Amino acid sequence: MTYQRIMVPVDGSEASDEAVLSAVELARRNNASIRFLFCLDELSLPAGPRYSPSVFQAARDDGSTVLSRARSRAERAGVPVETCLNESPGERLGHCVADRAREWHADLIVVGTHGRKGIARVLMGSGAESIIREAPVPVLVIRGADQMGCEREMRRQT
């Protein structure tokens, strides 16, 4: 199956950067276009729903920077690219990504994961898992290089 419209939620993490690289290569090979999406949800900000305008603006600026960096990677590869900074007060990540994927008629979502397990996953949640649950299209999950490296090292030691 070939994919023509690939949505990639980004957050600036190492896992997200790995997803960007994989999605750009997949798009390049399939002559597909990419839309990078940054979901800005005020509930995820340090102060929660009672954020200060300066904190929200700093998060908005961070999102713009992350999107610009991803756009540059796609442009260097010759991949048609769009970006979307979505401000969605109160909307959960999985729902935000699913809604934007439907609106844009994406046929694939590529997302990075940290691969957290146990208590870390319980405390920090799993963005990739929420995206998978809500996604209206197939989801390609890319594990962050840091996670793969840790697992390789653990296998070598056993």
Foldseek 3Di string as FASTA:
>chain_A
DAWAEEEEEADPDLQSVQLLVVVLVSCLVRVHAYEYEYEAEQCPFPVGPPDDPVSSVVSVVSQVVRRVVSVVVNVVSVHHYHYYYHYDYPDALLQVRQVVCVVVVGQEYEYGWQPDDDPVCVVVPTSVVSVCVNHPHYYHYGYRPVNVVVVVVVVVVD
